[in-house]
C-alpha atoms as a PDB file:
ATOM      1  CA  MET A   1      44.220-125.847  40.448  1.00  0.00           C
ATOM      2  CA  ASN A   2      45.515-129.149  38.932  1.00  0.00           C
ATOM      3  CA  ASP A   3      43.602-132.225  38.979  1.00  0.00           C
ATOM      4  CA  ASP A   4      45.391-133.790  42.071  1.00  0.00           C
ATOM      5  CA  ALA A   5      44.695-130.907  44.081  1.00  0.00           C
ATOM      6  CA  LEU A   6      41.070-130.374  42.765  1.00  0.00           C
ATOM      7  CA  GLU A   7      39.866-134.007  43.833  1.00  0.00           C
ATOM      8  CA  ALA A   8      41.671-133.661  47.026  1.00  0.00           C
ATOM      9  CA  SER A   9      39.821-130.430  48.037  1.00  0.00           C
ATOM     10  CA  ARG A  10      36.682-132.366  47.185  1.00  0.00           C
ATOM     11  CA  PRO A  11      34.350-133.463  50.040  1.00  0.00           C
ATOM     12  CA  ALA A  12      33.732-137.109  50.823  1.00  0.00           C
ATOM     13  CA  THR A  13      30.219-137.534  49.996  1.00  0.00           C
ATOM     14  CA  PHE A  14      30.315-141.475  50.584  1.00  0.00           C
ATOM     15  CA  GLY A  15      27.751-141.905  53.277  1.00  0.00           C
ATOM     16  CA  ARG A  16      25.804-139.122  52.809  1.00  0.00           C
ATOM     17  CA  ARG A  17      22.251-140.067  51.605  1.00  0.00           C
ATOM     18  CA  LYS A  18      20.311-137.746  49.448  1.00  0.00           C
ATOM     19  CA  ILE A  19      16.229-138.440  50.158  1.00  0.00           C
ATOM     20  CA  VAL A  20      15.122-135.066  47.974  1.00  0.00           C
ATOM     21  CA  PRO A  21      16.775-133.067  45.768  1.00  0.00           C
ATOM     22  CA  ARG A  22      18.866-130.369  46.973  1.00  0.00           C
ATOM     23  CA  VAL A  23      18.813-126.631  45.727  1.00  0.00           C
ATOM     24  CA  LEU A  24      21.217-123.742  46.215  1.00  0.00           C
ATOM     25  CA  ILE A  25      20.178-120.207  45.633  1.00  0.00           C
ATOM     26  CA  ILE A  26      22.886-117.424  45.226  1.00  0.00           C
ATOM     27  CA  ASP A  27      21.905-114.266  45.578  1.00  0.00           C
ATOM     28  CA  GLY A  28      23.158-110.858  47.368  1.00  0.00           C
ATOM     29  CA  LYS A  29      19.625-110.016  48.551  1.00  0.00           C
ATOM     30  CA  PRO A  30      18.582-111.783  51.637  1.00  0.00           C
ATOM     31  CA  HIS A  31      14.565-111.559  50.787  1.00  0.00           C
ATOM     32  CA  VAL A  32      15.169-112.834  47.530  1.00  0.00           C
ATOM     33  CA  ARG A  33      16.755-116.254  48.700  1.00  0.00           C
ATOM     34  CA  ARG A  34      14.152-116.328  51.454  1.00  0.00           C
ATOM     35  CA  PHE A  35      11.423-116.039  49.300  1.00  0.00           C
ATOM     36  CA  LEU A  36      12.883-118.637  46.904  1.00  0.00           C
ATOM     37  CA  CYS A  37      14.082-120.932  49.781  1.00  0.00           C
ATOM     38  CA  ASP A  38      10.490-120.751  50.577  1.00  0.00           C
ATOM     39  CA  CYS A  39       8.582-121.616  47.388  1.00  0.00           C
ATOM     40  CA  LEU A  40      11.282-124.881  46.767  1.00  0.00           C
ATOM     41  CA  GLU A  41      10.732-126.308  50.251  1.00  0.00           C
ATOM     42  CA  GLU A  42       6.437-125.692  49.771  1.00  0.00           C
ATOM     43  CA  LEU A  43       7.592-128.099  46.502  1.00  0.00           C
ATOM     44  CA  ARG A  44       9.480-130.786  49.079  1.00  0.00           C
ATOM     45  CA  LEU A  45      12.933-129.718  48.145  1.00  0.00           C
ATOM     46  CA  VAL A  46      15.773-129.125  50.501  1.00  0.00           C
ATOM     47  CA  ALA A  47      17.273-125.104  49.623  1.00  0.00           C
ATOM     48  CA  ALA A  48      19.636-123.272  51.353  1.00  0.00           C
ATOM     49  CA  GLY A  49      20.823-119.960  50.076  1.00  0.00           C
ATOM     50  CA  CYS A  50      24.208-118.112  49.573  1.00  0.00           C
ATOM     51  CA  ALA A  51      25.162-114.633  49.244  1.00  0.00           C
ATOM     52  CA  GLY A  52      28.566-114.508  47.719  1.00  0.00           C
ATOM     53  CA  ALA A  53      31.692-116.217  46.613  1.00  0.00           C
ATOM     54  CA  ASP A  54      33.219-116.311  50.087  1.00  0.00           C
ATOM     55  CA  GLU A  55      30.408-118.481  51.411  1.00  0.00           C
ATOM     56  CA  LEU A  56      30.186-120.846  48.041  1.00  0.00           C
ATOM     57  CA  GLU A  57      32.184-123.237  48.498  1.00  0.00           C
ATOM     58  CA  ARG A  58      31.329-123.819  52.542  1.00  0.00           C
ATOM     59  CA  THR A  59      28.176-123.991  51.151  1.00  0.00           C
ATOM     60  CA  LEU A  60      28.463-126.189  48.501  1.00  0.00           C
ATOM     61  CA  ASP A  61      30.221-128.754  50.808  1.00  0.00           C
ATOM     62  CA  ALA A  62      27.740-128.853  53.202  1.00  0.00           C
ATOM     63  CA  LEU A  63      24.922-129.077  50.839  1.00  0.00           C
ATOM     64  CA  LEU A  64      25.714-130.870  47.912  1.00  0.00           C
ATOM     65  CA  PRO A  65      23.201-129.415  45.615  1.00  0.00           C
ATOM     66  CA  ASP A  66      21.729-130.876  42.530  1.00  0.00           C
ATOM     67  CA  LEU A  67      20.321-127.435  41.422  1.00  0.00           C
ATOM     68  CA  VAL A  68      21.981-124.150  41.690  1.00  0.00           C
ATOM     69  CA  LEU A  69      19.982-121.041  40.762  1.00  0.00           C
ATOM     70  CA  ILE A  70      22.170-117.745  40.527  1.00  0.00           C
ATOM     71  CA  GLY A  71      20.787-114.360  40.217  1.00  0.00           C
ATOM     72  CA  ALA A  72      21.911-112.209  37.206  1.00  0.00           C
ATOM     73  CA  ARG A  73      20.863-109.169  38.980  1.00  0.00           C
ATOM     74  CA  SER A  74      23.154-109.557  42.068  1.00  0.00           C
ATOM     75  CA  GLY A  75      26.314-108.303  40.011  1.00  0.00           C
ATOM     76  CA  GLY A  76      28.140-109.254  36.580  1.00  0.00           C
ATOM     77  CA  ILE A  77      31.469-109.638  38.603  1.00  0.00           C
ATOM     78  CA  GLN A  78      30.048-111.944  41.040  1.00  0.00           C
ATOM     79  CA  ALA A  79      27.713-114.039  39.061  1.00  0.00           C
ATOM     80  CA  ARG A  80      30.777-114.981  36.896  1.00  0.00           C
ATOM     81  CA  ASP A  81      32.976-116.065  39.770  1.00  0.00           C
ATOM     82  CA  MET A  82      30.681-118.074  40.723  1.00  0.00           C
ATOM     83  CA  LEU A  83      30.347-119.641  37.369  1.00  0.00           C
ATOM     84  CA  VAL A  84      33.954-119.880  37.375  1.00  0.00           C
ATOM     85  CA  LEU A  85      34.153-121.486  41.091  1.00  0.00           C
ATOM     86  CA  LEU A  86      31.790-124.080  39.650  1.00  0.00           C
ATOM     87  CA  ALA A  87      33.324-124.990  36.871  1.00  0.00           C
ATOM     88  CA  ALA A  88      36.707-125.263  38.753  1.00  0.00           C
ATOM     89  CA  ARG A  89      34.770-127.977  41.188  1.00  0.00           C
ATOM     90  CA  ARG A  90      33.705-129.838  38.111  1.00  0.00           C
ATOM     91  CA  PHE A  91      29.899-129.203  39.121  1.00  0.00           C
ATOM     92  CA  SER A  92      27.945-131.743  37.638  1.00  0.00           C
ATOM     93  CA  GLY A  93      24.370-130.374  38.681  1.00  0.00           C
ATOM     94  CA  ARG A  94      22.244-128.179  36.645  1.00  0.00           C
ATOM     95  CA  ILE A  95      22.320-124.086  36.723  1.00  0.00           C
ATOM     96  CA  LEU A  96      19.452-122.048  36.660  1.00  0.00           C
ATOM     97  CA  LEU A  97      20.139-117.997  35.790  1.00  0.00           C
ATOM     98  CA  PHE A  98      16.947-116.107  37.170  1.00  0.00           C
ATOM     99  CA  GLY A  99      16.980-112.328  35.645  1.00  0.00           C
ATOM    100  CA  ALA A 100      15.773-110.206  32.481  1.00  0.00           C
ATOM    101  CA  PRO A 101      16.103-112.588  29.681  1.00  0.00           C
ATOM    102  CA  SER A 102      17.420-109.717  26.652  1.00  0.00           C
ATOM    103  CA  ALA A 103      19.393-108.187  29.511  1.00  0.00           C
ATOM    104  CA  PRO A 104      23.088-108.271  28.178  1.00  0.00           C
ATOM    105  CA  LEU A 105      24.415-109.511  31.445  1.00  0.00           C
ATOM    106  CA  THR A 106      22.081-112.246  31.537  1.00  0.00           C
ATOM    107  CA  ARG A 107      23.255-113.766  28.121  1.00  0.00           C
ATOM    108  CA  ALA A 108      26.988-112.953  29.039  1.00  0.00           C
ATOM    109  CA  LEU A 109      26.400-115.275  31.646  1.00  0.00           C
ATOM    110  CA  HIS A 110      24.441-118.242  30.384  1.00  0.00           C
ATOM    111  CA  GLU A 111      26.942-118.308  27.235  1.00  0.00           C
ATOM    112  CA  LEU A 112      29.790-118.017  29.901  1.00  0.00           C
ATOM    113  CA  GLY A 113      28.518-121.377  31.783  1.00  0.00           C
ATOM    114  CA  LYS A 114      27.923-123.129  28.505  1.00  0.00           C
ATOM    115  CA  THR A 115      31.577-122.466  27.673  1.00  0.00           C
ATOM    116  CA  PHE A 116      32.517-123.723  30.731  1.00  0.00           C
ATOM    117  CA  GLY A 117      30.690-126.909  30.090  1.00  0.00           C
ATOM    118  CA  LEU A 118      28.188-126.121  32.881  1.00  0.00           C
ATOM    119  CA  THR A 119      24.669-127.676  32.317  1.00  0.00           C
ATOM    120  CA  MET A 120      22.805-124.427  32.110  1.00  0.00           C
ATOM    121  CA  LEU A 121      18.880-124.391  32.103  1.00  0.00           C
ATOM    122  CA  PRO A 122      17.121-121.944  29.918  1.00  0.00           C
ATOM    123  CA  VAL A 123      16.532-118.718  31.807  1.00  0.00           C
ATOM    124  CA  LEU A 124      13.999-117.799  34.328  1.00  0.00           C
ATOM    125  CA  PRO A 125      12.459-114.596  33.538  1.00  0.00           C
ATOM    126  CA  THR A 126      11.783-112.000  36.170  1.00  0.00           C
ATOM    127  CA  PRO A 127       9.707-110.991  37.745  1.00  0.00           C
ATOM    128  CA  PHE A 128       7.974-114.424  37.985  1.00  0.00           C
ATOM    129  CA  ASN A 129       5.509-116.642  40.398  1.00  0.00           C
ATOM    130  CA  GLY A 130       5.960-119.683  42.095  1.00  0.00           C
ATOM    131  CA  SER A 131       4.225-121.595  39.183  1.00  0.00           C
ATOM    132  CA  ASP A 132       6.534-120.214  36.905  1.00  0.00           C
ATOM    133  CA  LEU A 133       9.591-121.654  38.896  1.00  0.00           C
ATOM    134  CA  ARG A 134       7.825-124.983  39.374  1.00  0.00           C
ATOM    135  CA  ASN A 135       7.185-125.166  35.815  1.00  0.00           C
ATOM    136  CA  ARG A 136      11.393-124.401  35.217  1.00  0.00           C
ATOM    137  CA  ILE A 137      12.316-126.804  37.774  1.00  0.00           C
ATOM    138  CA  ALA A 138       9.849-129.495  37.330  1.00  0.00           C
ATOM    139  CA  ALA A 139      12.213-132.382  36.305  1.00  0.00           C
ATOM    140  CA  PHE A 140      13.785-131.740  39.981  1.00  0.00           C
ATOM    141  CA  VAL A 141      10.217-131.837  42.024  1.00  0.00           C
ATOM    142  CA  PRO A 142       9.415-135.279  43.850  1.00  0.00           C
ATOM    143  CA  ASP A 143       6.339-136.600  42.263  1.00  0.00           C
ATOM    144  CA  GLU A 144       5.171-137.979  45.442  1.00  0.00           C
ATOM    145  CA  ALA A 145       5.934-136.851  49.111  1.00  0.00           C
ATOM    146  CA  PRO A 146       9.060-139.033  50.523  1.00  0.00           C
ATOM    147  CA  PRO A 147       8.257-141.369  53.250  1.00  0.00           C
ATOM    148  CA  HIS A 148       8.145-139.767  56.704  1.00  0.00           C
ATOM    149  CA  PRO A 149      11.442-139.738  58.847  1.00  0.00           C
ATOM    150  CA  PRO A 150      12.188-141.331  61.979  1.00  0.00           C
ATOM    151  CA  VAL A 151      11.885-138.371  64.308  1.00  0.00           C
ATOM    152  CA  ASP A 152      13.065-137.910  67.698  1.00  0.00           C
ATOM    153  CA  ILE A 153      11.223-134.544  69.113  1.00  0.00           C
ATOM    154  CA  VAL A 154      13.361-134.062  71.743  1.00  0.00           C
ATOM    155  CA  GLU A 155      16.683-134.566  69.453  1.00  0.00           C
ATOM    156  CA  ALA A 156      14.719-132.269  66.684  1.00  0.00           C
ATOM    157  CA  LEU A 157      14.011-129.420  69.423  1.00  0.00           C
ATOM    158  CA  ALA A 158      17.387-129.456  70.639  1.00  0.00           C
ATOM    159  CA  VAL A 159      19.069-128.867  67.249  1.00  0.00           C
ATOM    160  CA  GLY A 160      16.433-126.238  65.684  1.00  0.00           C
ATOM    161  CA  HIS A 161      15.202-128.444  63.418  1.00  0.00           C
ATOM    162  CA  LEU A 162      11.081-127.442  64.649  1.00  0.00           C
ATOM    163  CA  ASP A 163       9.718-124.566  63.573  1.00  0.00           C
ATOM    164  CA  LEU A 164       6.407-122.662  63.110  1.00  0.00           C
ATOM    165  CA  TRP A 165       4.864-121.140  59.725  1.00  0.00           C
ATOM    166  CA  TYR A 166       2.133-118.697  59.909  1.00  0.00           C
ATOM    167  CA  GLN A 167      -0.870-118.570  57.332  1.00  0.00           C
ATOM    168  CA  PRO A 168      -3.077-115.773  57.191  1.00  0.00           C
ATOM    169  CA  LYS A 169      -6.882-115.837  58.631  1.00  0.00           C
ATOM    170  CA  ILE A 170      -9.251-113.395  56.461  1.00  0.00           C
ATOM    171  CA  ASP A 171     -12.346-112.083  58.101  1.00  0.00           C
ATOM    172  CA  ALA A 172     -14.871-113.000  55.481  1.00  0.00           C
ATOM    173  CA  GLY A 173     -16.932-109.643  55.807  1.00  0.00           C
ATOM    174  CA  THR A 174     -14.337-107.349  55.601  1.00  0.00           C
ATOM    175  CA  LEU A 175     -11.752-109.583  53.493  1.00  0.00           C
ATOM    176  CA  ARG A 176      -9.183-108.058  55.797  1.00  0.00           C
ATOM    177  CA  LEU A 177      -6.118-109.796  58.351  1.00  0.00           C
ATOM    178  CA  SER A 178      -7.950-110.889  61.380  1.00  0.00           C
ATOM    179  CA  GLY A 179      -5.433-113.309  62.445  1.00  0.00           C
ATOM    180  CA  ALA A 180      -2.944-115.559  62.019  1.00  0.00           C
ATOM    181  CA  GLU A 181      -2.666-119.553  62.082  1.00  0.00           C
ATOM    182  CA  ALA A 182       0.698-121.107  63.469  1.00  0.00           C
ATOM    183  CA  LEU A 183       1.596-124.711  61.532  1.00  0.00           C
ATOM    184  CA  ILE A 184       4.327-126.855  63.171  1.00  0.00           C
ATOM    185  CA  HIS A 185       7.127-127.921  60.483  1.00  0.00           C
ATOM    186  CA  LEU A 186      10.478-129.944  60.926  1.00  0.00           C
ATOM    187  CA  ARG A 187      13.259-128.826  58.703  1.00  0.00           C
ATOM    188  CA  HIS A 188      15.306-131.801  58.448  1.00  0.00           C
ATOM    189  CA  PRO A 189      18.455-131.539  56.640  1.00  0.00           C
ATOM    190  CA  ALA A 190      18.025-134.879  54.368  1.00  0.00           C
ATOM    191  CA  TRP A 191      14.390-135.056  54.046  1.00  0.00           C
ATOM    192  CA  GLY A 192      13.357-131.158  53.389  1.00  0.00           C
ATOM    193  CA  ILE A 193      10.360-130.011  55.098  1.00  0.00           C
ATOM    194  CA  VAL A 194       7.954-132.677  57.384  1.00  0.00           C
ATOM    195  CA  PRO A 195       4.665-131.588  57.946  1.00  0.00           C
ATOM    196  CA  PRO A 196       3.369-132.566  61.399  1.00  0.00           C
ATOM    197  CA  ALA A 197       1.561-135.982  60.363  1.00  0.00           C
ATOM    198  CA  GLY A 198       5.120-137.248  59.760  1.00  0.00           C
ATOM    199  CA  PHE A 199       6.931-136.870  63.186  1.00  0.00           C
ATOM    200  CA  VAL A 200       3.657-136.313  65.267  1.00  0.00           C
ATOM    201  CA  PRO A 201       2.471-140.211  67.224  1.00  0.00           C
ATOM    202  CA  ALA A 202      -1.139-140.099  66.877  1.00  0.00           C
ATOM    203  CA  ASP A 203      -1.190-139.896  70.712  1.00  0.00           C
ATOM    204  CA  GLY A 204       1.090-137.338  71.436  1.00  0.00           C
ATOM    205  CA  ARG A 205       1.887-138.597  74.170  1.00  0.00           C
ATOM    206  CA  ALA A 206       5.968-139.311  73.271  1.00  0.00           C
ATOM    207  CA  HIS A 207       6.581-135.359  73.683  1.00  0.00           C
ATOM    208  CA  ASP A 208       3.706-133.487  74.725  1.00  0.00           C
ATOM    209  CA  GLY A 209       5.868-131.548  77.403  1.00  0.00           C
ATOM    210  CA  ALA A 210       8.379-130.717  75.403  1.00  0.00           C
ATOM    211  CA  LEU A 211       6.440-129.537  71.972  1.00  0.00           C
ATOM    212  CA  CYS A 212       3.950-127.797  74.283  1.00  0.00           C
ATOM    213  CA  GLU A 213       6.777-125.536  75.728  1.00  0.00           C
ATOM    214  CA  PHE A 214       8.601-124.835  72.249  1.00  0.00           C
ATOM    215  CA  VAL A 215       5.299-123.835  70.672  1.00  0.00           C
ATOM    216  CA  LEU A 216       3.849-121.819  73.624  1.00  0.00           C
ATOM    217  CA  SER A 217       7.244-119.870  74.187  1.00  0.00           C
ATOM    218  CA  ARG A 218       7.889-119.456  69.849  1.00  0.00           C
ATOM    219  CA  ILE A 219       4.190-117.862  69.438  1.00  0.00           C
ATOM    220  CA  CYS A 220       4.557-115.606  72.268  1.00  0.00           C
ATOM    221  CA  GLU A 221       8.209-114.735  70.859  1.00  0.00           C
ATOM    222  CA  ASP A 222       6.646-114.378  67.236  1.00  0.00           C
ATOM    223  CA  TRP A 223       3.688-111.926  68.990  1.00  0.00           C
ATOM    224  CA  ARG A 224       6.076-109.763  70.166  1.00  0.00           C
ATOM    225  CA  TYR A 225       7.888-109.536  66.989  1.00  0.00           C
ATOM    226  CA  PHE A 226       4.727-108.850  64.780  1.00  0.00           C
ATOM    227  CA  SER A 227       3.382-106.106  67.231  1.00  0.00           C
ATOM    228  CA  ALA A 228       6.372-104.370  67.481  1.00  0.00           C
ATOM    229  CA  GLU A 229       7.518-104.651  63.599  1.00  0.00           C
ATOM    230  CA  HIS A 230       4.071-105.093  61.868  1.00  0.00           C
ATOM    231  CA  CYS A 231       0.737-105.155  63.543  1.00  0.00           C
ATOM    232  CA  GLN A 232      -1.032-106.734  66.548  1.00  0.00           C
ATOM    233  CA  VAL A 233      -2.254-110.301  64.894  1.00  0.00           C
ATOM    234  CA  GLU A 234      -4.239-113.126  67.462  1.00  0.00           C
ATOM    235  CA  ILE A 235      -2.399-116.251  66.887  1.00  0.00           C
ATOM    236  CA  ALA A 236      -4.002-119.644  66.899  1.00  0.00           C
ATOM    237  CA  VAL A 237      -2.355-123.379  66.820  1.00  0.00           C
ATOM    238  CA  ASN A 238      -3.867-126.533  65.904  1.00  0.00           C
ATOM    239  CA  LEU A 239      -2.843-128.728  68.778  1.00  0.00           C
ATOM    240  CA  GLN A 240      -3.683-132.570  69.695  1.00  0.00           C
ATOM    241  CA  MET A 241      -5.572-133.109  72.567  1.00  0.00           C
ATOM    242  CA  PRO A 242      -2.832-134.611  74.778  1.00  0.00           C
ATOM    243  CA  VAL A 243      -0.870-131.907  74.194  1.00  0.00           C
ATOM    244  CA  ALA A 244      -3.549-129.284  74.711  1.00  0.00           C
ATOM    245  CA  HIS A 245      -4.197-131.112  77.974  1.00  0.00           C
ATOM    246  CA  HIS A 246      -0.303-130.757  78.892  1.00  0.00           C
ATOM    247  CA  LEU A 247      -0.764-126.987  78.013  1.00  0.00           C
ATOM    248  CA  ALA A 248      -3.262-126.480  80.571  1.00  0.00           C
ATOM    249  CA  SER A 249      -1.318-127.839  83.448  1.00  0.00           C
ATOM    250  CA  LEU A 250       1.604-126.097  82.463  1.00  0.00           C
ATOM    251  CA  ASP A 251       3.077-124.476  85.461  1.00  0.00           C
ATOM    252  CA  SER A 252       5.258-121.790  83.237  1.00  0.00           C
ATOM    253  CA  LEU A 253       2.039-121.148  81.432  1.00  0.00           C
ATOM    254  CA  ARG A 254       1.521-117.449  83.151  1.00  0.00           C
ATOM    255  CA  ARG A 255       5.540-116.807  82.550  1.00  0.00           C
ATOM    256  CA  LEU A 256       5.696-117.342  79.201  1.00  0.00           C
ATOM    257  CA  MET A 257       2.478-115.035  78.262  1.00  0.00           C
ATOM    258  CA  PRO A 258       3.209-111.451  76.880  1.00  0.00           C
ATOM    259  CA  ASP A 259       2.832-109.074  79.710  1.00  0.00           C
ATOM    260  CA  HIS A 260       1.461-106.110  76.957  1.00  0.00           C
ATOM    261  CA  PRO A 261      -1.664-104.433  77.195  1.00  0.00           C
ATOM    262  CA  ALA A 262      -2.583-104.965  73.498  1.00  0.00           C
ATOM    263  CA  PHE A 263      -2.286-108.747  73.690  1.00  0.00           C
ATOM    264  CA  ALA A 264      -5.739-110.559  73.209  1.00  0.00           C
ATOM    265  CA  GLY A 265      -4.755-113.911  74.136  1.00  0.00           C
ATOM    266  CA  ILE A 266      -4.244-117.290  71.917  1.00  0.00           C
ATOM    267  CA  ILE A 267      -6.266-119.506  70.477  1.00  0.00           C
ATOM    268  CA  VAL A 268      -5.708-122.979  70.676  1.00  0.00           C
ATOM    269  CA  GLU A 269      -7.757-125.140  68.137  1.00  0.00           C
ATOM    270  CA  LEU A 270      -9.024-128.616  68.583  1.00  0.00           C
ATOM    271  CA  ASN A 271      -9.965-131.380  66.016  1.00  0.00           C
ATOM    272  CA  ALA A 272     -13.781-131.821  66.275  1.00  0.00           C
ATOM    273  CA  GLY A 273     -13.374-135.361  66.277  1.00  0.00           C
ATOM    274  CA  GLU A 274     -11.192-135.341  69.391  1.00  0.00           C
ATOM    275  CA  ILE A 275     -13.546-132.788  71.128  1.00  0.00           C
ATOM    276  CA  VAL A 276     -16.282-134.856  70.680  1.00  0.00           C
ATOM    277  CA  HIS A 277     -14.649-138.319  71.405  1.00  0.00           C
ATOM    278  CA  ASP A 278     -14.103-136.679  74.737  1.00  0.00           C
ATOM    279  CA  LEU A 279     -16.441-133.919  74.919  1.00  0.00           C
ATOM    280  CA  ALA A 280     -16.053-133.664  79.099  1.00  0.00           C
ATOM    281  CA  ASP A 281     -12.105-133.343  78.897  1.00  0.00           C
ATOM    282  CA  ALA A 282     -12.009-131.458  75.735  1.00  0.00           C
ATOM    283  CA  LYS A 283     -14.676-128.732  77.791  1.00  0.00           C
ATOM    284  CA  ALA A 284     -12.457-129.425  80.706  1.00  0.00           C
ATOM    285  CA  ILE A 285      -9.375-127.789  79.198  1.00  0.00           C
ATOM    286  CA  ALA A 286     -11.105-125.130  77.791  1.00  0.00           C
ATOM    287  CA  ARG A 287     -12.254-123.928  80.941  1.00  0.00           C
ATOM    288  CA  ARG A 288      -9.196-124.287  82.400  1.00  0.00           C
ATOM    289  CA  LEU A 289      -6.895-122.654  79.369  1.00  0.00           C
ATOM    290  CA  ARG A 290      -9.315-119.351  79.485  1.00  0.00           C
ATOM    291  CA  PHE A 291      -8.012-118.382  82.618  1.00  0.00           C
ATOM    292  CA  GLN A 292      -4.686-117.850  80.994  1.00  0.00           C
ATOM    293  CA  ASN A 293      -5.895-115.715  78.229  1.00  0.00           C
ATOM    294  CA  ILE A 294      -6.259-118.751  75.795  1.00  0.00           C
ATOM    295  CA  GLY A 295      -9.228-119.611  74.114  1.00  0.00           C
ATOM    296  CA  VAL A 296     -10.447-123.281  72.927  1.00  0.00           C
ATOM    297  CA  SER A 297     -11.538-123.169  69.362  1.00  0.00           C
ATOM    298  CA  ILE A 298     -13.382-126.588  67.396  1.00  0.00           C
ATOM    299  CA  ALA A 299     -11.722-126.682  63.947  1.00  0.00           C
ATOM    300  CA  ASN A 300     -12.932-128.905  60.935  1.00  0.00           C
ATOM    301  CA  LEU A 301     -16.312-129.514  62.257  1.00  0.00           C
ATOM    302  CA  GLY A 302     -18.635-131.039  59.983  1.00  0.00           C
ATOM    303  CA  GLU A 303     -20.724-134.192  60.602  1.00  0.00           C
ATOM    304  CA  GLU A 304     -20.085-134.282  64.091  1.00  0.00           C
ATOM    305  CA  TRP A 305     -21.882-131.220  64.648  1.00  0.00           C
ATOM    306  CA  PRO A 306     -25.181-132.891  66.029  1.00  0.00           C
ATOM    307  CA  LEU A 307     -23.025-134.181  68.804  1.00  0.00           C
ATOM    308  CA  LEU A 308     -22.521-130.416  70.259  1.00  0.00           C
ATOM    309  CA  LEU A 309     -26.162-129.424  69.865  1.00  0.00           C
ATOM    310  CA  GLN A 310     -27.910-128.624  73.589  1.00  0.00           C
ATOM    311  CA  GLN A 311     -24.735-127.899  75.424  1.00  0.00           C
ATOM    312  CA  SER A 312     -25.859-126.027  78.307  1.00  0.00           C
ATOM    313  CA  ASP A 313     -21.829-125.570  79.123  1.00  0.00           C
ATOM    314  CA  PHE A 314     -20.224-124.334  75.519  1.00  0.00           C
ATOM    315  CA  PRO A 315     -16.788-122.736  76.696  1.00  0.00           C
ATOM    316  CA  PHE A 316     -15.409-122.847  73.037  1.00  0.00           C
ATOM    317  CA  VAL A 317     -14.198-119.325  71.707  1.00  0.00           C
ATOM    318  CA  GLU A 318     -14.823-120.251  67.711  1.00  0.00           C
ATOM    319  CA  ILE A 319     -15.975-122.892  65.616  1.00  0.00           C
ATOM    320  CA  LYS A 320     -14.520-123.776  61.906  1.00  0.00           C
ATOM    321  CA  CYS A 321     -16.151-125.540  59.245  1.00  0.00           C
ATOM    322  CA  ASP A 322     -14.550-128.581  57.771  1.00  0.00           C
ATOM    323  CA  PRO A 323     -13.454-127.247  54.092  1.00  0.00           C
ATOM    324  CA  GLN A 324     -15.190-130.139  52.061  1.00  0.00           C
ATOM    325  CA  PHE A 325     -18.330-129.024  53.445  1.00  0.00           C
ATOM    326  CA  VAL A 326     -17.550-125.156  52.811  1.00  0.00           C
ATOM    327  CA  CYS A 327     -16.160-125.800  48.933  1.00  0.00           C
ATOM    328  CA  GLY A 328     -19.191-126.327  46.784  1.00  0.00           C
ATOM    329  CA  CYS A 329     -22.075-125.294  49.414  1.00  0.00           C
ATOM    330  CA  ALA A 330     -23.663-122.752  47.299  1.00  0.00           C
ATOM    331  CA  ASN A 331     -24.339-125.672  44.649  1.00  0.00           C
ATOM    332  CA  GLU A 332     -25.119-128.349  46.915  1.00  0.00           C
ATOM    333  CA  ARG A 333     -28.071-128.491  49.433  1.00  0.00           C
ATOM    334  CA  LEU A 334     -26.473-130.848  51.936  1.00  0.00           C
ATOM    335  CA  LYS A 335     -23.407-129.083  52.317  1.00  0.00           C
ATOM    336  CA  ARG A 336     -25.218-126.013  52.199  1.00  0.00           C
ATOM    337  CA  TYR A 337     -27.891-127.156  55.328  1.00  0.00           C
ATOM    338  CA  VAL A 338     -24.531-128.524  57.578  1.00  0.00           C
ATOM    339  CA  CYS A 339     -22.764-125.219  57.186  1.00  0.00           C
ATOM    340  CA  ARG A 340     -26.387-123.453  57.981  1.00  0.00           C
ATOM    341  CA  GLN A 341     -26.752-125.705  61.064  1.00  0.00           C
ATOM    342  CA  ILE A 342     -22.575-125.319  62.178  1.00  0.00           C
ATOM    343  CA  LEU A 343     -23.331-121.132  61.907  1.00  0.00           C
ATOM    344  CA  GLU A 344     -26.655-121.481  64.288  1.00  0.00           C
ATOM    345  CA  LEU A 345     -24.585-123.739  66.327  1.00  0.00           C
ATOM    346  CA  ALA A 346     -21.947-121.027  66.686  1.00  0.00           C
ATOM    347  CA  ASP A 347     -24.435-118.081  67.035  1.00  0.00           C
ATOM    348  CA  GLY A 348     -26.354-119.945  69.790  1.00  0.00           C
END
């Protein structure tokens, strides 16, 4: 391809603003691409995967990456073709190979990239963990989180930017999986992963209906998947009080819930600060939701615990201590006292 044709084939980049660095992962194995995407997104980078040379040009045009990760194990000819294409496009970013550093293939690919004039980072040895990856690409990791983007929740839902991530809940007595907690995140094409604080207003009222429908339908859909493909788990999700209030009045609630004999319900977590601010309303929400097989949990309970004492009506199914009181409670008497009082409150 001559220089004129190459310049003409390049996508226009004027006006395409980059908020955070972008990374492209090239590997033939979907689980490898998914793992790397998750790790990179946790580092506040925008990441995308590509399986082969036939997808590379289109993905490069769409993503405009600053860093390209190439799996040396994905096949010598394919990996070589990737480097040839990147060189033909005069890729100016960095390239990181991951594989066995001493393998002849890895060495050959690294030398080929340097021969083409590409900027090759030192090989990332496999196997590696998240810390190894972070250390190797430290220059690309933002020191601070970018400012929160202006987000319209209805628009984000329409284009599929909202997603639920799950973290395991472990039983402290058995150390076995006892459930999963759903966390709402926004995967923005320019800003990367945005936590709820970045797009959910403090009052939650601007979009409580749309967000409520999305969360409930996705949780029920994911429960069916977990039940069929893995195991049956109890799912919890943390919501703001206005969103939970809308959930309690949702007409489609019964229709969305799984009709399965193994379905044990859903837990909605409300922050302790919101609950004690309007305890009567929180109780009303909990009483109404439990008839729909949804329990309400008190999350991050700490110094507010005295306000919940001597309640004759306590319709909450679970209490979660504020982590700042749990961490170090073995050595600090005040923290230990607070945790003991919260435990007695839960037992009572």
